[in-house]
């Protein structure tokens, strides 16, 4: 039986914080206990936000934590053809369509619909796509694409669900409400998700399933904030004939106000803790690891 394969996949759009350290350590130590492999992946598709200094800091922080990983490291920006091939397969199945509304236009559509009695939202609280791009005539789509108009490539969720049928995943951790074991996937809760944009050639949903499959990842260990997203990942795995890893979603490290740590909220970075004299043993204690 081949060894289990774990991965840690940060984005170099900011410095790592305690939440990243917790997830990275969990993956590394799970791989070590199971005599498996530990991979590092750099999710650097968003060129506008990802910077070389953040990527360099990732390597430094993980080395300080005592982690080692296989090389070469997979950098998503070097594998755009893999994501393009997946999009081509989905398009050939008739499951993709471009939408052309701006964020402001989508917000106005949502506001109008909410005034008429509410509008559904996804598990993260964002409103589902309210536009009508799916029903645009093919000639009008082609005209807009040829004009160079910005667009987002969306998954036709209704058609995808019909094609994939019922889906489940194996959860060895737990969801936010304690869900564990065999979980029924409900990707329709996310609506017609974006899989790529004109300026960004893939999305997290698409690239994560492609990367995990190509790297042979068998165990996905990540925070509970991604538990509901697993439904979309299972849908894409099924449609694209990709292997299904086992999932383990862990508790989040939160701040004093109970909010999850994030780069956008300027959570204290590992580099700041390290420069302040914190030891790795103290950090492990801080996040509740032995």
Protein backbone atom coordinates (compact mmCIF):
# COMPACT_ATOMS: atom_id res chain seq x y z
CA UNK A 1 0.00 0.00 0.00
CA UNK A 2 1.49 3.41 -0.98
CA UNK A 3 2.28 5.86 1.83
CA UNK A 4 -0.24 8.62 2.60
CA UNK A 5 0.47 12.04 1.07
CA UNK A 6 -0.21 15.27 2.96
CA UNK A 7 0.25 18.85 1.83
CA UNK A 8 0.34 22.41 3.14
CA UNK A 9 -0.65 24.99 0.51
CA UNK A 10 -0.28 28.65 1.55
CA UNK A 11 -0.70 31.71 -0.68
CA UNK A 12 2.19 34.20 -0.72
CA UNK A 13 -0.09 37.23 -0.32
CA UNK A 14 0.98 37.99 3.24
CA UNK A 15 3.01 36.61 6.13
CA UNK A 16 2.06 33.33 7.83
CA UNK A 17 0.35 33.56 11.23
CA UNK A 18 -0.47 31.14 14.06
CA UNK A 19 -3.35 29.57 12.17
CA UNK A 20 -1.02 28.65 9.32
CA UNK A 21 1.52 27.25 11.77
CA UNK A 22 -1.15 25.04 13.37
CA UNK A 23 -2.28 23.61 10.01
CA UNK A 24 1.25 23.12 8.71
CA UNK A 25 2.34 21.32 11.87
CA UNK A 26 -0.73 19.08 11.84
CA UNK A 27 -0.03 18.02 8.25
CA UNK A 28 3.68 17.50 8.84
CA UNK A 29 3.23 15.45 11.99
CA UNK A 30 0.40 13.39 10.50
CA UNK A 31 2.70 12.51 7.61
CA UNK A 32 5.49 11.59 10.01
CA UNK A 33 3.27 9.42 12.19
CA UNK A 34 1.84 7.65 9.15
CA UNK A 35 5.27 7.25 7.52
CA UNK A 36 3.91 9.30 4.67
CA UNK A 37 5.01 12.19 2.49
CA UNK A 38 4.70 15.91 3.20
CA UNK A 39 4.41 18.36 0.30
CA UNK A 40 4.52 22.14 0.18
CA UNK A 41 2.53 23.91 -2.52
CA UNK A 42 2.61 27.65 -3.25
CA UNK A 43 -0.80 28.94 -4.39
CA UNK A 44 0.36 32.02 -6.29
CA UNK A 45 -2.22 32.41 -9.05
CA UNK A 46 -3.29 35.93 -8.04
CA UNK A 47 -0.35 37.90 -9.44
CA UNK A 48 -1.76 41.19 -8.15
CA UNK A 49 -1.50 40.11 -4.50
CA UNK A 50 1.27 37.47 -4.39
CA UNK A 51 4.82 38.76 -3.87
CA UNK A 52 8.26 37.12 -3.84
CA UNK A 53 9.08 38.40 -0.35
CA UNK A 54 6.02 36.63 1.06
CA UNK A 55 7.01 33.39 -0.63
CA UNK A 56 10.55 33.66 0.76
CA UNK A 57 9.09 34.25 4.22
CA UNK A 58 6.98 31.08 3.93
CA UNK A 59 10.10 28.95 3.50
CA UNK A 60 11.83 30.73 6.39
CA UNK A 61 8.87 30.39 8.76
CA UNK A 62 8.28 26.70 8.01
CA UNK A 63 11.98 25.92 8.44
CA UNK A 64 11.89 27.69 11.80
CA UNK A 65 8.97 25.45 12.81
CA UNK A 66 11.21 22.45 12.09
CA UNK A 67 9.39 21.34 8.94
CA UNK A 68 10.99 19.82 5.86
CA UNK A 69 9.27 19.03 2.57
CA UNK A 70 9.83 17.38 -0.76
CA UNK A 71 11.26 19.37 -3.64
CA UNK A 72 10.61 20.79 -6.12
CA UNK A 73 7.79 22.79 -4.59
CA UNK A 74 4.74 23.07 -6.86
CA UNK A 75 4.02 26.71 -7.70
CA UNK A 76 0.61 27.14 -9.29
CA UNK A 77 1.76 29.94 -11.60
CA UNK A 78 4.02 27.42 -13.36
CA UNK A 79 1.16 25.04 -14.17
CA UNK A 80 -1.50 27.13 -15.86
CA UNK A 81 -1.84 24.57 -18.65
CA UNK A 82 -3.17 22.02 -16.14
CA UNK A 83 -6.02 24.32 -15.15
CA UNK A 84 -6.72 25.27 -18.76
CA UNK A 85 -7.06 21.60 -19.67
CA UNK A 86 -9.60 21.10 -16.86
CA UNK A 87 -11.59 24.14 -17.98
CA UNK A 88 -11.59 22.82 -21.55
CA UNK A 89 -13.03 19.50 -20.34
CA UNK A 90 -15.78 21.26 -18.39
CA UNK A 91 -16.55 23.47 -21.38
CA UNK A 92 -16.77 20.44 -23.67
CA UNK A 93 -19.39 19.03 -21.28
CA UNK A 94 -21.39 22.24 -21.57
CA UNK A 95 -20.87 23.12 -17.91
CA UNK A 96 -19.23 26.56 -18.21
CA UNK A 97 -20.56 29.96 -19.21
CA UNK A 98 -19.12 33.51 -19.03
CA UNK A 99 -20.79 36.20 -16.96
CA UNK A 100 -20.00 39.83 -17.69
CA UNK A 101 -21.50 41.83 -14.81
CA UNK A 102 -19.18 43.92 -12.67
CA UNK A 103 -19.17 43.51 -8.90
CA UNK A 104 -21.17 46.72 -8.60
CA UNK A 105 -23.76 45.45 -11.09
CA UNK A 106 -24.07 42.15 -9.23
CA UNK A 107 -24.52 44.02 -5.94
CA UNK A 108 -27.30 46.10 -7.51
CA UNK A 109 -29.03 42.96 -8.81
CA UNK A 110 -28.83 41.37 -5.36
CA UNK A 111 -30.24 44.49 -3.70
CA UNK A 112 -33.16 44.56 -6.14
CA UNK A 113 -33.96 40.90 -5.52
CA UNK A 114 -33.68 41.24 -1.76
CA UNK A 115 -36.23 44.04 -1.87
CA UNK A 116 -38.58 41.56 -3.54
CA UNK A 117 -38.42 39.11 -0.66
CA UNK A 118 -34.83 38.06 0.00
CA UNK A 119 -32.10 36.36 -1.96
CA UNK A 120 -30.25 33.12 -1.09
CA UNK A 121 -26.69 33.20 0.18
CA UNK A 122 -23.90 30.66 0.14
CA UNK A 123 -22.49 28.98 3.29
CA UNK A 124 -20.01 31.86 3.68
CA UNK A 125 -22.83 34.40 3.64
CA UNK A 126 -22.21 35.81 0.14
CA UNK A 127 -25.25 36.16 -2.15
CA UNK A 128 -25.58 33.59 -4.92
CA UNK A 129 -25.00 34.81 -8.47
CA UNK A 130 -28.19 36.66 -9.47
CA UNK A 131 -27.44 37.37 -13.14
CA UNK A 132 -28.86 36.01 -16.36
CA UNK A 133 -25.63 35.34 -18.28
CA UNK A 134 -26.46 31.63 -18.51
CA UNK A 135 -29.39 32.45 -20.80
CA UNK A 136 -27.47 34.84 -23.11
CA UNK A 137 -27.64 33.91 -26.78
CA UNK A 138 -24.44 32.31 -28.08
CA UNK A 139 -23.98 35.13 -30.60
CA UNK A 140 -24.17 37.75 -27.86
CA UNK A 141 -21.66 35.84 -25.72
CA UNK A 142 -19.24 35.67 -28.62
CA UNK A 143 -19.69 39.36 -29.37
CA UNK A 144 -18.86 40.32 -25.79
CA UNK A 145 -15.88 37.98 -25.62
CA UNK A 146 -14.49 39.34 -28.90
CA UNK A 147 -14.91 42.88 -27.61
CA UNK A 148 -12.49 42.10 -24.76
CA UNK A 149 -15.07 42.63 -22.02
CA UNK A 150 -14.06 41.35 -18.56
CA UNK A 151 -15.76 38.11 -17.62
CA UNK A 152 -15.92 35.34 -15.05
CA UNK A 153 -16.25 31.70 -16.09
CA UNK A 154 -18.98 30.12 -13.98
CA UNK A 155 -19.97 26.50 -13.40
CA UNK A 156 -23.54 25.70 -14.39
CA UNK A 157 -24.32 24.14 -11.03
CA UNK A 158 -27.69 22.70 -11.99
CA UNK A 159 -26.25 20.88 -15.02
CA UNK A 160 -23.20 19.75 -13.05
CA UNK A 161 -25.36 18.30 -10.28
CA UNK A 162 -27.42 16.34 -12.80
CA UNK A 163 -24.26 14.91 -14.32
CA UNK A 164 -22.55 14.01 -11.03
CA UNK A 165 -25.50 12.66 -9.04
CA UNK A 166 -25.35 12.25 -5.26
CA UNK A 167 -21.96 12.86 -3.66
CA UNK A 168 -20.36 12.26 -0.28
CA UNK A 169 -16.93 12.61 1.30
CA UNK A 170 -15.16 10.94 4.21
CA UNK A 171 -14.52 13.34 7.08
CA UNK A 172 -12.03 12.30 9.77
CA UNK A 173 -12.09 15.63 11.53
CA UNK A 174 -15.30 17.57 11.98
CA UNK A 175 -17.33 20.39 10.55
CA UNK A 176 -18.32 23.58 12.39
CA UNK A 177 -21.39 21.81 13.78
CA UNK A 178 -19.57 18.59 14.66
CA UNK A 179 -20.27 16.72 11.39
CA UNK A 180 -17.98 13.75 10.89
CA UNK A 181 -17.86 10.39 9.08
CA UNK A 182 -19.60 10.15 5.70
CA UNK A 183 -20.83 13.63 4.76
CA UNK A 184 -23.48 14.34 2.13
CA UNK A 185 -22.12 16.97 -0.26
CA UNK A 186 -24.46 19.82 -1.19
CA UNK A 187 -22.56 21.90 -3.77
CA UNK A 188 -25.78 23.55 -4.96
CA UNK A 189 -25.61 25.69 -1.81
CA UNK A 190 -22.82 27.64 -3.54
CA UNK A 191 -24.71 28.46 -6.73
CA UNK A 192 -22.88 28.97 -10.02
CA UNK A 193 -19.35 29.32 -8.60
CA UNK A 194 -16.57 31.09 -10.48
CA UNK A 195 -13.87 28.74 -11.81
CA UNK A 196 -11.75 31.33 -13.65
CA UNK A 197 -11.67 34.97 -14.69
CA UNK A 198 -10.33 36.73 -17.73
CA UNK A 199 -7.40 38.06 -15.70
CA UNK A 200 -6.97 35.11 -13.29
CA UNK A 201 -6.90 31.77 -15.16
CA UNK A 202 -8.23 29.58 -12.35
CA UNK A 203 -9.99 29.72 -9.00
CA UNK A 204 -9.24 28.13 -5.65
CA UNK A 205 -12.03 25.58 -6.18
CA UNK A 206 -10.60 24.38 -9.50
CA UNK A 207 -6.88 24.57 -8.81
CA UNK A 208 -7.05 22.80 -5.45
CA UNK A 209 -8.66 19.66 -6.89
CA UNK A 210 -6.34 19.61 -9.90
CA UNK A 211 -3.23 20.09 -7.76
CA UNK A 212 -4.25 17.47 -5.20
CA UNK A 213 -4.89 14.94 -7.96
CA UNK A 214 -1.67 15.61 -9.88
CA UNK A 215 0.40 15.52 -6.68
CA UNK A 216 -1.22 12.31 -5.45
CA UNK A 217 -2.51 13.90 -2.24
CA UNK A 218 -4.48 11.33 -0.24
CA UNK A 219 -5.13 13.28 2.99
CA UNK A 220 -6.39 16.88 3.01
CA UNK A 221 -6.01 18.48 6.43
CA UNK A 222 -7.21 22.09 6.64
CA UNK A 223 -9.30 24.50 8.71
CA UNK A 224 -13.02 24.21 9.38
CA UNK A 225 -13.62 27.39 7.36
CA UNK A 226 -13.19 25.22 4.24
CA UNK A 227 -15.48 22.40 5.37
CA UNK A 228 -18.51 23.52 3.31
CA UNK A 229 -16.32 24.19 0.25
CA UNK A 230 -15.52 20.48 0.12
CA UNK A 231 -18.91 19.93 -1.52
CA UNK A 232 -17.77 21.92 -4.57
CA UNK A 233 -14.45 20.08 -4.62
CA UNK A 234 -16.19 16.71 -4.57
CA UNK A 235 -18.40 17.80 -7.47
CA UNK A 236 -15.39 18.79 -9.59
CA UNK A 237 -13.52 15.60 -8.66
CA UNK A 238 -16.48 13.52 -9.79
CA UNK A 239 -16.99 15.33 -13.09
CA UNK A 240 -13.26 15.39 -13.94
CA UNK A 241 -12.68 11.76 -12.88
CA UNK A 242 -10.20 12.74 -10.17
CA UNK A 243 -9.37 10.64 -7.09
CA UNK A 244 -11.09 11.51 -3.83
CA UNK A 245 -8.82 12.20 -0.85
CA UNK A 246 -9.87 11.76 2.77
CA UNK A 247 -10.59 15.07 4.52
CA UNK A 248 -9.79 16.24 8.03
CA UNK A 249 -11.03 19.72 8.98
CA UNK A 250 -9.57 21.07 12.20
CA UNK A 251 -10.53 23.79 14.67
CA UNK A 252 -9.46 27.33 13.84
CA UNK A 253 -7.06 29.42 15.86
CA UNK A 254 -8.98 32.53 16.91
CA UNK A 255 -8.14 35.92 18.35
CA UNK A 256 -9.29 37.34 21.68
CA UNK A 257 -12.61 38.36 20.11
CA UNK A 258 -13.28 34.86 18.80
CA UNK A 259 -12.60 35.74 15.15
CA UNK A 260 -10.44 33.46 13.01
CA UNK A 261 -6.93 34.73 12.32
CA UNK A 262 -6.41 36.08 8.82
CA UNK A 263 -3.90 38.07 6.80
CA UNK A 264 -6.55 40.66 5.98
CA UNK A 265 -7.09 41.40 9.68
CA UNK A 266 -3.32 41.75 10.14
CA UNK A 267 -2.93 38.85 12.53
CA UNK A 268 0.51 38.77 14.14
CA UNK A 269 2.89 36.98 11.79
CA UNK A 270 5.24 34.14 12.66
CA UNK A 271 8.20 36.30 11.64
CA UNK A 272 7.19 38.86 14.28
CA UNK A 273 6.85 36.18 16.95
CA UNK A 274 10.21 34.71 15.96
CA UNK A 275 11.96 38.09 16.00
CA UNK A 276 10.36 38.75 19.39
CA UNK A 277 12.16 35.74 20.85
CA UNK A 278 9.40 33.13 20.84
CA UNK A 279 10.66 29.57 20.62
CA UNK A 280 9.00 26.85 18.56
CA UNK A 281 8.13 25.03 21.79
CA UNK A 282 6.33 28.13 23.06
CA UNK A 283 4.49 28.49 19.78
CA UNK A 284 3.34 24.89 19.87
CA UNK A 285 2.02 25.43 23.38
CA UNK A 286 0.26 28.59 22.25
CA UNK A 287 -1.71 26.73 19.55
CA UNK A 288 -2.42 23.72 21.78
CA UNK A 289 0.03 21.22 20.31
CA UNK A 290 2.25 19.03 22.52
